[in-house]
Amino acid sequence: MGVFFNVIRPIVSLIPTINEPTKKIGFKEKMMWTGITLLVFLVCSQIPLIGTDIVGNDPFYWMRLVMASNRGTLMELGISPIVTASMVMQLLQGAKIISVDMDNQEESELFEASQKLFGLLMTLGQGIAYIMSGMYGDPSELGFFNCCLILLQLFVAGLIVLLLDELLSNGYGFGSAISLFIATNICESIVWSAFSPLTTNAGTGSQFEGSIINFFHLLITRPDKLGALYDAFFRTEAGNLSNLIATIVVFLTVMYFQGFKVDIPLSSKQGRVESQNYSIRLFYTSNMPIILHSALTSNIFIISQLLFKRFPTNFLINLFGSWSVVSSRGQMYPVGGLCYYLTAPNSIFELVQNPIHGVISIGLTVFMCTIFSREWIKVSGSSSADVKKQLADQRVSIRGFRDGESSVYLLDKYIPIAASFGGMCISLLSVGADLLGAVGSGTGILLAATTISEYANTFQKEWKREMGADFAF
């Protein structure tokens, strides 16, 4: 066992953990625990942080939907620490910097515990950075006690997120808490954009923020019906029907692509007669490439903003990223440096207006998601060799391939291609949604759509198992 595990063993033993269930968890019980997990997240997203003095605009508003974050609440940091910790640890393992034998139960458990430890350290680090940057008011005016109180609240909330994710991952519920929280946050944003009863006034009269409510309101109250239709579909002060339609189109497109798959026929070594297939879907790595891309760019943007705020004239800092308020909402956007080219255009008009920036940023997004997707299968237990082992553990083999090496060769023909091409497609869909002006950003819509589709498939599989199916993939 390596030095790394010997060092962290006494530390990780102090971290609260949720043990795997000792009995089979039924469908209804899993539904209950998934619902409780979602309820805890929603409640924490509404409980304000005590001791803060939040003023001014939100410098990180662009990352909140994707990171399941809500400003000024216990969910201030969202899933950012846990995703960042997981990404770093998996990359360290994949690069062989940390040697882990996943077949060794003790090393596997220690590795998972080390991810939790690093997630808590990331929570502390991000919390301190937020406090020192003045996100909750001037630290000198807040006082040492309030700063410690805010940090404690953020740390406890981060621990809650870790435990909720572990609860679902250990089989008490469905799917992953990370994906569930992201999808919930984005769906909430879409519903609010469509049906918000709040009003706004941009100089053309009072209008509802909700695009659907505003559509009927304008048609009823305005004598100029064509002008009312134009405002309902193309207003820029708040969400419009064009954004909502684009969101629906992206959802349907993702659902359509989710059906692209290759079915490999299986046969049971125990003589079962059921016809089963192992499906390799186009989105083989699901939404992980876009989550990893979002986590990486979000952390880069956070660091860049903090540095730029402190050293706005430093050449190297500006090379890393320079920021300016360039929107009517007073929010900061990158206008130069690496961060500028990591930001995809928000509309077709922006792409046409600055094609060089658009092509470079889109190219970087596609490249990063493709690489993340390709490498993720190596560190997440979904490579061809891992799938062969899983099938062997289920006492199932690929029909016509009794030899393990031959079955790996067959899987190698599909899995790496599905991972790479799927990562590329999912990044292009994300960028396309941004260009169309979908509500909640293209990345957010994509994550919500893939998560909903996965949950639908998971419910179907679990229901079949509950009804007595022997095995399913």
Protein backbone atom coordinates (compact mmCIF):
# COMPACT_ATOMS: atom_id res chain seq x y z
CA MET A 1 0.00 0.00 0.00
CA GLY A 2 1.35 3.41 -1.01
CA VAL A 3 2.58 6.24 1.19
CA PHE A 4 -0.45 8.32 0.20
CA PHE A 5 -2.90 5.94 1.87
CA ASN A 6 -0.73 5.52 4.95
CA VAL A 7 -0.76 9.30 5.44
CA ILE A 8 -4.48 9.88 4.97
CA ARG A 9 -5.79 6.76 6.77
CA PRO A 10 -5.96 8.33 10.27
CA ILE A 11 -7.48 11.53 8.83
CA VAL A 12 -10.26 10.04 6.71
CA SER A 13 -11.40 7.88 9.60
CA LEU A 14 -12.69 11.09 11.24
CA ILE A 15 -14.94 12.01 8.28
CA PRO A 16 -18.63 11.04 8.62
CA THR A 17 -19.64 8.35 6.17
CA ILE A 18 -22.73 6.49 5.01
CA ASN A 19 -22.31 2.73 4.86
CA GLU A 20 -23.64 0.68 1.99
CA PRO A 21 -27.05 -0.93 2.64
CA THR A 22 -26.98 -4.36 4.22
CA LYS A 23 -30.21 -5.37 2.50
CA LYS A 24 -31.77 -4.83 -0.89
CA ILE A 25 -33.39 -1.40 -1.21
CA GLY A 26 -36.77 -1.53 -2.93
CA PHE A 27 -38.05 0.81 -5.64
CA LYS A 28 -40.37 2.77 -3.34
CA GLU A 29 -37.70 3.16 -0.68
CA LYS A 30 -35.24 4.46 -3.28
CA MET A 31 -37.86 6.94 -4.45
CA MET A 32 -38.30 8.08 -0.86
CA TRP A 33 -34.57 8.64 -0.24
CA THR A 34 -34.16 10.42 -3.58
CA GLY A 35 -37.05 12.71 -2.66
CA ILE A 36 -35.57 13.41 0.78
CA THR A 37 -32.20 14.24 -0.81
CA LEU A 38 -33.85 16.67 -3.21
CA LEU A 39 -35.89 18.24 -0.40
CA VAL A 40 -32.78 18.82 1.74
CA PHE A 41 -31.07 20.49 -1.22
CA LEU A 42 -34.04 22.76 -1.93
CA VAL A 43 -34.34 23.76 1.74
CA CYS A 44 -30.62 24.54 1.98
CA SER A 45 -30.93 26.59 -1.21
CA GLN A 46 -33.37 28.90 0.59
CA ILE A 47 -31.73 29.22 4.02
CA PRO A 48 -29.66 32.44 4.05
CA LEU A 49 -26.15 32.58 5.43
CA ILE A 50 -26.00 34.26 8.84
CA GLY A 51 -23.61 37.15 9.36
CA THR A 52 -23.28 38.30 5.75
CA ASP A 53 -23.57 41.76 4.27
CA ILE A 54 -24.15 41.03 0.58
CA VAL A 55 -24.00 44.10 -1.62
CA GLY A 56 -23.50 44.75 -5.34
CA ASN A 57 -23.74 42.34 -8.23
CA ASP A 58 -23.01 38.64 -8.22
CA PRO A 59 -19.59 38.08 -9.83
CA PHE A 60 -20.21 34.34 -10.26
CA TYR A 61 -23.80 34.35 -11.49
CA TRP A 62 -22.82 32.63 -14.76
CA MET A 63 -21.68 29.48 -12.95
CA ARG A 64 -24.49 29.11 -10.44
CA LEU A 65 -26.95 27.10 -12.53
CA VAL A 66 -24.37 24.55 -13.63
CA MET A 67 -22.81 24.30 -10.16
CA ALA A 68 -26.22 24.05 -8.40
CA SER A 69 -25.38 27.18 -6.44
CA ASN A 70 -27.63 29.84 -4.93
CA ARG A 71 -26.07 33.12 -3.80
CA GLY A 72 -26.23 34.06 -0.15
CA THR A 73 -27.58 30.67 0.98
CA LEU A 74 -26.12 27.50 2.44
CA MET A 75 -25.80 26.28 -1.16
CA GLU A 76 -23.47 29.17 -2.02
CA LEU A 77 -20.73 26.81 -3.20
CA GLY A 78 -23.11 24.20 -4.60
CA ILE A 79 -21.43 21.09 -5.98
CA SER A 80 -18.27 22.91 -7.09
CA PRO A 81 -15.98 21.56 -4.31
CA ILE A 82 -17.06 17.93 -4.70
CA VAL A 83 -16.82 18.01 -8.51
CA THR A 84 -13.41 19.68 -8.41
CA ALA A 85 -12.13 17.21 -5.81
CA SER A 86 -13.39 14.23 -7.79
CA MET A 87 -11.88 15.57 -11.01
CA VAL A 88 -8.46 16.17 -9.43
CA MET A 89 -8.33 12.79 -7.68
CA GLN A 90 -9.42 10.90 -10.78
CA LEU A 91 -6.82 12.70 -12.87
CA LEU A 92 -4.12 11.93 -10.30
CA GLN A 93 -5.12 8.29 -10.41
CA GLY A 94 -5.27 8.24 -14.21
CA ALA A 95 -1.82 9.84 -14.44
CA LYS A 96 -0.49 7.16 -12.01
CA ILE A 97 0.64 9.86 -9.56
CA ILE A 98 -1.50 8.02 -7.03
CA SER A 99 -1.41 4.25 -7.39
CA VAL A 100 -4.73 2.64 -6.52
CA ASP A 101 -5.69 -1.01 -6.82
CA MET A 102 -9.47 -0.76 -7.21
CA ASP A 103 -9.74 -4.53 -6.76
CA ASN A 104 -8.36 -4.08 -3.24
CA GLN A 105 -11.36 -3.19 -1.08
CA GLU A 106 -9.31 -1.28 1.50
CA GLU A 107 -7.50 0.84 -1.10
CA SER A 108 -10.75 1.48 -2.98
CA GLU A 109 -12.48 2.66 0.20
CA LEU A 110 -9.52 4.84 1.16
CA PHE A 111 -9.49 6.40 -2.30
CA GLU A 112 -13.19 7.27 -2.06
CA ALA A 113 -12.63 8.67 1.44
CA SER A 114 -9.71 10.76 0.16
CA GLN A 115 -12.05 12.32 -2.42
CA LYS A 116 -14.37 13.34 0.41
CA LEU A 117 -11.42 14.75 2.38
CA PHE A 118 -10.21 16.76 -0.60
CA GLY A 119 -13.78 17.93 -1.22
CA LEU A 120 -13.97 19.31 2.32
CA LEU A 121 -10.58 20.99 1.89
CA MET A 122 -11.82 22.53 -1.37
CA THR A 123 -14.91 23.76 0.50
CA LEU A 124 -12.72 25.48 3.08
CA GLY A 125 -10.47 26.92 0.38
CA GLN A 126 -13.33 28.31 -1.71
CA GLY A 127 -15.10 29.60 1.39
CA ILE A 128 -12.01 31.50 2.53
CA ALA A 129 -11.52 32.89 -1.00
CA TYR A 130 -15.13 34.09 -1.13
CA ILE A 131 -14.89 35.76 2.29
CA MET A 132 -11.53 37.44 1.63
CA SER A 133 -12.66 38.71 -1.78
CA GLY A 134 -15.52 40.67 -0.17
CA MET A 135 -18.38 38.51 -1.48
CA TYR A 136 -20.19 38.92 1.86
CA GLY A 137 -18.97 42.40 2.70
CA ASP A 138 -15.65 43.90 3.75
CA PRO A 139 -13.94 41.29 5.99
CA SER A 140 -12.60 44.03 8.26
CA GLU A 141 -16.12 45.32 8.85
CA LEU A 142 -17.65 41.87 9.23
CA GLY A 143 -15.24 41.00 11.99
CA PHE A 144 -13.38 37.79 12.78
CA PHE A 145 -16.37 36.10 14.44
CA ASN A 146 -18.73 36.65 11.49
CA CYS A 147 -16.07 35.50 9.02
CA CYS A 148 -15.58 32.27 11.00
CA LEU A 149 -19.37 31.83 11.27
CA ILE A 150 -19.81 32.17 7.50
CA LEU A 151 -16.97 29.72 6.86
CA LEU A 152 -18.48 27.22 9.32
CA GLN A 153 -21.86 27.40 7.57
CA LEU A 154 -20.26 26.85 4.16
CA PHE A 155 -18.24 23.92 5.51
CA VAL A 156 -21.29 22.22 7.06
CA ALA A 157 -23.26 22.74 3.84
CA GLY A 158 -20.38 21.21 1.86
CA LEU A 159 -20.37 18.20 4.19
CA ILE A 160 -24.15 17.82 3.70
CA VAL A 161 -23.70 17.79 -0.10
CA LEU A 162 -20.97 15.14 0.20
CA LEU A 163 -23.14 12.92 2.41
CA LEU A 164 -26.20 13.33 0.17
CA ASP A 165 -24.15 12.33 -2.87
CA GLU A 166 -22.76 9.33 -0.99
CA LEU A 167 -26.28 8.37 0.10
CA LEU A 168 -27.50 8.07 -3.49
CA SER A 169 -24.25 6.62 -4.85
CA ASN A 170 -24.30 3.81 -2.27
CA GLY A 171 -27.64 2.59 -3.60
CA TYR A 172 -30.15 4.14 -1.21
CA GLY A 173 -31.56 6.25 -4.02
CA PHE A 174 -31.38 6.80 -7.76
CA GLY A 175 -28.50 8.23 -9.74
CA SER A 176 -26.12 10.87 -8.48
CA ALA A 177 -26.89 13.79 -6.21
CA ILE A 178 -24.64 15.99 -8.36
CA SER A 179 -26.69 15.44 -11.50
CA LEU A 180 -29.95 15.63 -9.54
CA PHE A 181 -29.06 19.02 -8.01
CA ILE A 182 -27.95 20.45 -11.36
CA ALA A 183 -31.11 19.33 -13.15
CA THR A 184 -33.31 20.68 -10.33
CA ASN A 185 -31.59 24.07 -10.39
CA ILE A 186 -31.93 24.38 -14.16
CA CYS A 187 -35.53 23.18 -14.32
CA GLU A 188 -36.39 25.69 -11.58
CA SER A 189 -34.80 28.43 -13.68
CA ILE A 190 -36.75 27.41 -16.79
CA VAL A 191 -40.08 27.30 -14.95
CA TRP A 192 -39.38 30.69 -13.35
CA SER A 193 -38.42 32.18 -16.74
CA ALA A 194 -41.70 30.95 -18.20
CA PHE A 195 -44.13 31.69 -15.36
CA SER A 196 -42.57 34.33 -13.10
CA PRO A 197 -45.29 36.69 -11.81
CA LEU A 198 -42.82 39.48 -11.06
CA THR A 199 -42.96 42.59 -13.22
CA THR A 200 -40.26 44.69 -14.85
CA ASN A 201 -40.25 48.02 -16.68
CA ALA A 202 -37.66 48.72 -19.39
CA GLY A 203 -39.26 51.89 -20.74
CA THR A 204 -41.97 50.23 -22.84
CA GLY A 205 -44.42 49.70 -20.02
CA SER A 206 -44.82 47.14 -17.29
CA GLN A 207 -44.17 43.53 -18.35
CA PHE A 208 -44.10 40.20 -16.56
CA GLU A 209 -40.76 38.42 -16.22
CA GLY A 210 -42.36 35.08 -17.12
CA SER A 211 -42.39 34.83 -20.91
CA ILE A 212 -45.63 32.84 -21.18
CA ILE A 213 -47.53 35.06 -18.73
CA ASN A 214 -46.11 38.12 -20.47
CA PHE A 215 -47.25 36.81 -23.88
CA PHE A 216 -50.91 36.71 -22.86
CA HIS A 217 -50.61 39.95 -20.89
CA LEU A 218 -49.28 41.89 -23.89
CA LEU A 219 -51.86 40.46 -26.28
CA ILE A 220 -54.69 41.45 -23.95
CA THR A 221 -53.50 44.90 -22.86
CA ARG A 222 -51.82 46.34 -25.97
CA PRO A 223 -53.79 47.63 -28.93
CA ASP A 224 -50.82 47.06 -31.26
CA LYS A 225 -50.93 43.27 -31.51
CA LEU A 226 -47.93 42.96 -33.88
CA GLY A 227 -45.81 45.05 -31.52
CA ALA A 228 -47.01 42.93 -28.63
CA LEU A 229 -46.00 39.73 -30.43
CA TYR A 230 -42.59 41.18 -31.28
CA ASP A 231 -41.94 42.12 -27.64
CA ALA A 232 -43.15 38.74 -26.42
CA PHE A 233 -40.79 36.87 -28.76
CA PHE A 234 -37.74 39.13 -28.91
CA ARG A 235 -37.51 41.38 -25.83
CA THR A 236 -34.02 41.59 -24.32
CA GLU A 237 -34.80 42.88 -20.82
CA ALA A 238 -36.05 39.47 -19.64
CA GLY A 239 -36.76 35.99 -20.95
CA ASN A 240 -38.79 35.79 -24.16
CA LEU A 241 -40.68 33.13 -26.05
CA SER A 242 -37.82 32.65 -28.52
CA ASN A 243 -35.55 31.61 -25.63
CA LEU A 244 -38.22 29.25 -24.33
CA ILE A 245 -38.76 27.67 -27.76
CA ALA A 246 -34.98 27.27 -28.19
CA THR A 247 -34.87 25.51 -24.81
CA ILE A 248 -37.59 23.07 -25.85
CA VAL A 249 -35.81 22.39 -29.15
CA VAL A 250 -32.55 21.62 -27.34
CA PHE A 251 -34.34 19.31 -24.88
CA LEU A 252 -35.97 17.37 -27.72
CA THR A 253 -32.71 17.20 -29.68
CA VAL A 254 -30.82 15.77 -26.71
CA MET A 255 -33.58 13.24 -26.07
CA TYR A 256 -33.39 12.22 -29.74
CA PHE A 257 -29.63 11.72 -29.61
CA GLN A 258 -29.99 9.74 -26.39
CA GLY A 259 -31.62 7.04 -28.49
CA PHE A 260 -28.48 6.52 -30.59
CA LYS A 261 -26.88 3.30 -29.38
CA VAL A 262 -25.27 0.03 -30.35
CA ASP A 263 -26.78 -3.09 -28.78
CA ILE A 264 -24.38 -5.98 -28.14
CA PRO A 265 -26.25 -9.27 -27.57
CA LEU A 266 -25.49 -11.12 -24.34
CA SER A 267 -25.89 -14.69 -23.26
CA SER A 268 -26.07 -16.03 -19.73
CA LYS A 269 -23.59 -18.58 -18.44
CA GLN A 270 -26.34 -19.99 -16.22
CA GLY A 271 -28.54 -21.08 -19.09
CA ARG A 272 -31.13 -18.29 -18.94
CA VAL A 273 -33.17 -17.84 -22.08
CA GLU A 274 -33.91 -14.14 -21.76
CA SER A 275 -32.72 -11.98 -24.64
CA GLN A 276 -30.54 -9.23 -23.21
CA ASN A 277 -28.33 -6.59 -24.74
CA TYR A 278 -25.53 -4.37 -23.47
CA SER A 279 -26.23 -0.92 -24.88
CA ILE A 280 -23.38 1.43 -25.74
CA ARG A 281 -25.01 4.83 -26.14
CA LEU A 282 -23.72 7.80 -28.10
CA PHE A 283 -23.48 9.75 -24.83
CA TYR A 284 -21.48 6.93 -23.26
CA THR A 285 -19.96 9.11 -20.58
CA SER A 286 -23.26 10.91 -20.07
CA ASN A 287 -22.91 14.53 -18.97
CA MET A 288 -19.55 14.08 -17.22
CA PRO A 289 -17.49 15.81 -19.98
CA ILE A 290 -19.54 18.99 -19.74
CA ILE A 291 -19.58 18.83 -15.92
CA LEU A 292 -15.79 18.50 -15.82
CA HIS A 293 -15.41 21.27 -18.40
CA SER A 294 -17.73 23.54 -16.41
CA ALA A 295 -15.96 22.77 -13.13
CA LEU A 296 -12.53 23.48 -14.63
CA THR A 297 -13.53 26.72 -16.37
CA SER A 298 -15.51 27.89 -13.33
CA ASN A 299 -12.50 27.49 -11.05
CA ILE A 300 -10.28 29.24 -13.60
CA PHE A 301 -12.78 32.11 -13.80
CA ILE A 302 -13.03 32.39 -10.00
CA ILE A 303 -9.26 32.56 -9.60
CA SER A 304 -8.96 35.00 -12.51
CA GLN A 305 -11.61 37.35 -11.12
CA LEU A 306 -10.07 37.33 -7.65
CA LEU A 307 -6.61 38.08 -9.06
CA PHE A 308 -7.89 40.74 -11.46
CA LYS A 309 -9.77 42.47 -8.68
CA ARG A 310 -6.59 42.66 -6.60
CA PHE A 311 -4.05 43.34 -9.42
CA PRO A 312 -5.98 44.90 -12.34
CA THR A 313 -2.88 46.33 -14.06
CA ASN A 314 -0.58 43.31 -13.82
CA PHE A 315 0.39 42.04 -17.29
CA LEU A 316 0.42 38.33 -16.37
CA ILE A 317 -2.93 38.62 -14.57
CA ASN A 318 -4.44 40.29 -17.64
CA LEU A 319 -2.95 37.57 -19.81
CA PHE A 320 -4.75 35.05 -17.62
CA GLY A 321 -8.00 37.03 -17.84
CA SER A 322 -9.22 40.62 -17.74
CA TRP A 323 -12.78 41.46 -16.73
CA SER A 324 -15.22 44.30 -17.28
CA VAL A 325 -18.90 45.13 -16.76
CA VAL A 326 -20.27 44.85 -20.29
CA SER A 327 -23.93 44.00 -19.69
CA SER A 328 -27.01 45.96 -18.71
CA ARG A 329 -27.30 43.80 -15.57
CA GLY A 330 -23.96 45.06 -14.29
CA GLN A 331 -22.37 41.61 -14.32
CA MET A 332 -18.69 41.08 -15.10
CA TYR A 333 -17.61 39.27 -18.26
CA PRO A 334 -14.12 38.31 -19.46
CA VAL A 335 -12.94 40.72 -22.15
CA GLY A 336 -9.38 39.49 -22.61
CA GLY A 337 -6.85 36.78 -21.87
CA LEU A 338 -7.35 33.04 -21.55
CA CYS A 339 -10.73 33.39 -19.82
CA TYR A 340 -12.07 35.39 -22.78
CA TYR A 341 -11.29 32.55 -25.18
CA LEU A 342 -12.77 29.97 -22.81
CA THR A 343 -16.11 31.80 -23.00
CA ALA A 344 -18.29 30.72 -25.91
CA PRO A 345 -20.45 33.36 -27.69
CA ASN A 346 -23.92 33.82 -26.22
CA SER A 347 -25.72 34.36 -29.52
CA ILE A 348 -25.37 33.99 -33.26
CA PHE A 349 -24.99 37.77 -33.45
CA GLU A 350 -21.92 37.62 -31.18
CA LEU A 351 -20.46 34.83 -33.31
CA VAL A 352 -20.91 36.83 -36.52
CA GLN A 353 -19.62 40.01 -34.88
CA ASN A 354 -16.41 38.36 -33.63
CA PRO A 355 -15.88 35.11 -35.60
CA ILE A 356 -12.24 34.61 -34.53
CA HIS A 357 -13.15 34.56 -30.84
CA GLY A 358 -16.16 32.37 -31.57
CA VAL A 359 -14.22 29.76 -33.57
CA ILE A 360 -11.38 29.58 -31.01
CA SER A 361 -13.71 29.34 -27.99
CA ILE A 362 -15.94 26.73 -29.63
CA GLY A 363 -12.87 24.76 -30.72
CA LEU A 364 -11.46 24.80 -27.18
CA THR A 365 -14.80 23.66 -25.72
CA VAL A 366 -15.11 20.78 -28.19
CA PHE A 367 -11.48 19.73 -27.71
CA MET A 368 -11.66 19.80 -23.90
CA CYS A 369 -14.95 17.87 -23.74
CA THR A 370 -13.66 15.26 -26.18
CA ILE A 371 -10.48 14.73 -24.15
CA PHE A 372 -12.39 14.67 -20.84
CA SER A 373 -14.82 12.10 -22.22
CA ARG A 374 -12.04 9.92 -23.64
CA GLU A 375 -10.02 9.99 -20.43
CA TRP A 376 -13.02 9.61 -18.09
CA ILE A 377 -13.69 6.03 -19.19
CA LYS A 378 -10.18 5.11 -18.04
CA VAL A 379 -10.62 6.36 -14.50
CA SER A 380 -14.32 5.79 -13.90
CA GLY A 381 -14.51 2.03 -14.38
CA SER A 382 -16.27 2.14 -17.77
CA SER A 383 -13.47 1.11 -20.14
CA SER A 384 -13.66 -2.03 -22.25
CA ALA A 385 -11.72 -4.09 -19.69
CA ASP A 386 -13.95 -2.81 -16.87
CA VAL A 387 -17.11 -3.68 -18.79
CA LYS A 388 -15.78 -7.19 -19.49
CA LYS A 389 -15.15 -7.67 -15.77
CA GLN A 390 -18.64 -6.38 -14.89
CA LEU A 391 -20.21 -8.81 -17.35
CA ALA A 392 -18.13 -11.66 -15.93
CA ASP A 393 -19.25 -10.76 -12.40
CA GLN A 394 -22.87 -10.92 -13.63
CA ARG A 395 -22.04 -14.32 -15.19
CA VAL A 396 -22.92 -12.92 -18.56
CA SER A 397 -20.86 -12.98 -21.76
CA ILE A 398 -21.09 -11.41 -25.18
CA ARG A 399 -22.87 -13.82 -27.48
CA GLY A 400 -20.38 -15.63 -29.69
CA PHE A 401 -17.36 -14.52 -27.61
CA ARG A 402 -16.37 -16.93 -24.88
CA ASP A 403 -12.81 -15.67 -24.76
CA GLY A 404 -12.32 -12.58 -22.60
CA GLU A 405 -9.66 -11.04 -24.84
CA SER A 406 -11.90 -11.37 -27.89
CA SER A 407 -14.80 -9.65 -26.10
CA VAL A 408 -12.49 -6.78 -25.07
CA TYR A 409 -11.47 -6.41 -28.71
CA LEU A 410 -15.13 -6.13 -29.71
CA LEU A 411 -15.88 -3.58 -26.98
CA ASP A 412 -12.81 -1.57 -28.03
CA LYS A 413 -14.40 -1.11 -31.45
CA TYR A 414 -17.28 0.86 -29.91
CA ILE A 415 -16.57 2.27 -26.43
CA PRO A 416 -13.62 4.63 -27.17
CA ILE A 417 -15.39 5.95 -30.28
CA ALA A 418 -18.66 6.45 -28.41
CA ALA A 419 -16.79 8.29 -25.63
CA SER A 420 -14.86 10.60 -27.97
CA PHE A 421 -17.65 11.28 -30.45
CA GLY A 422 -20.21 11.59 -27.65
CA GLY A 423 -18.06 14.16 -25.85
CA MET A 424 -17.73 16.13 -29.08
CA CYS A 425 -21.48 15.99 -29.77
CA ILE A 426 -22.43 17.01 -26.25
CA SER A 427 -20.11 20.05 -26.43
CA LEU A 428 -21.50 21.10 -29.83
CA LEU A 429 -25.05 20.79 -28.50
CA SER A 430 -24.09 22.96 -25.52
CA VAL A 431 -22.57 25.64 -27.74
CA GLY A 432 -25.52 25.46 -30.14
CA ALA A 433 -27.96 25.99 -27.30
CA ASP A 434 -26.04 29.08 -26.20
CA LEU A 435 -26.13 30.47 -29.73
CA LEU A 436 -29.90 29.91 -29.90
CA GLY A 437 -30.35 31.72 -26.56
CA ALA A 438 -31.76 28.79 -24.57
CA VAL A 439 -32.81 29.59 -20.99
CA GLY A 440 -30.21 28.78 -18.36
CA SER A 441 -27.21 28.44 -20.75
CA GLY A 442 -26.55 25.64 -23.20
CA THR A 443 -24.46 23.70 -20.71
CA GLY A 444 -27.24 23.85 -18.14
CA ILE A 445 -29.95 22.74 -20.55
CA LEU A 446 -27.79 19.88 -21.75
CA LEU A 447 -27.09 18.70 -18.20
CA ALA A 448 -30.77 18.85 -17.31
CA ALA A 449 -31.84 16.99 -20.45
CA THR A 450 -29.28 14.19 -20.08
CA THR A 451 -30.02 13.85 -16.36
CA ILE A 452 -33.77 13.60 -16.92
CA SER A 453 -33.22 11.01 -19.65
CA GLU A 454 -30.91 8.98 -17.41
CA TYR A 455 -33.38 9.06 -14.54
CA ALA A 456 -36.13 7.88 -16.88
CA ASN A 457 -33.95 4.94 -17.97
CA THR A 458 -32.98 4.22 -14.36
CA PHE A 459 -36.62 4.20 -13.23
CA GLN A 460 -37.44 1.81 -16.05
CA LYS A 461 -34.61 -0.57 -15.12
CA GLU A 462 -35.41 -0.47 -11.41
CA TRP A 463 -39.07 -1.09 -12.08
CA LYS A 464 -38.19 -4.14 -14.20
CA ARG A 465 -35.96 -5.44 -11.41
CA GLU A 466 -38.75 -4.84 -8.91
CA MET A 467 -41.04 -6.88 -11.12
CA GLY A 468 -38.60 -9.79 -11.02
CA ALA A 469 -36.23 -9.37 -13.98
CA ASP A 470 -33.07 -11.39 -13.46
CA PHE A 471 -30.61 -8.85 -14.83
CA ALA A 472 -30.72 -5.70 -16.91
CA PHE A 473 -28.33 -3.22 -18.49
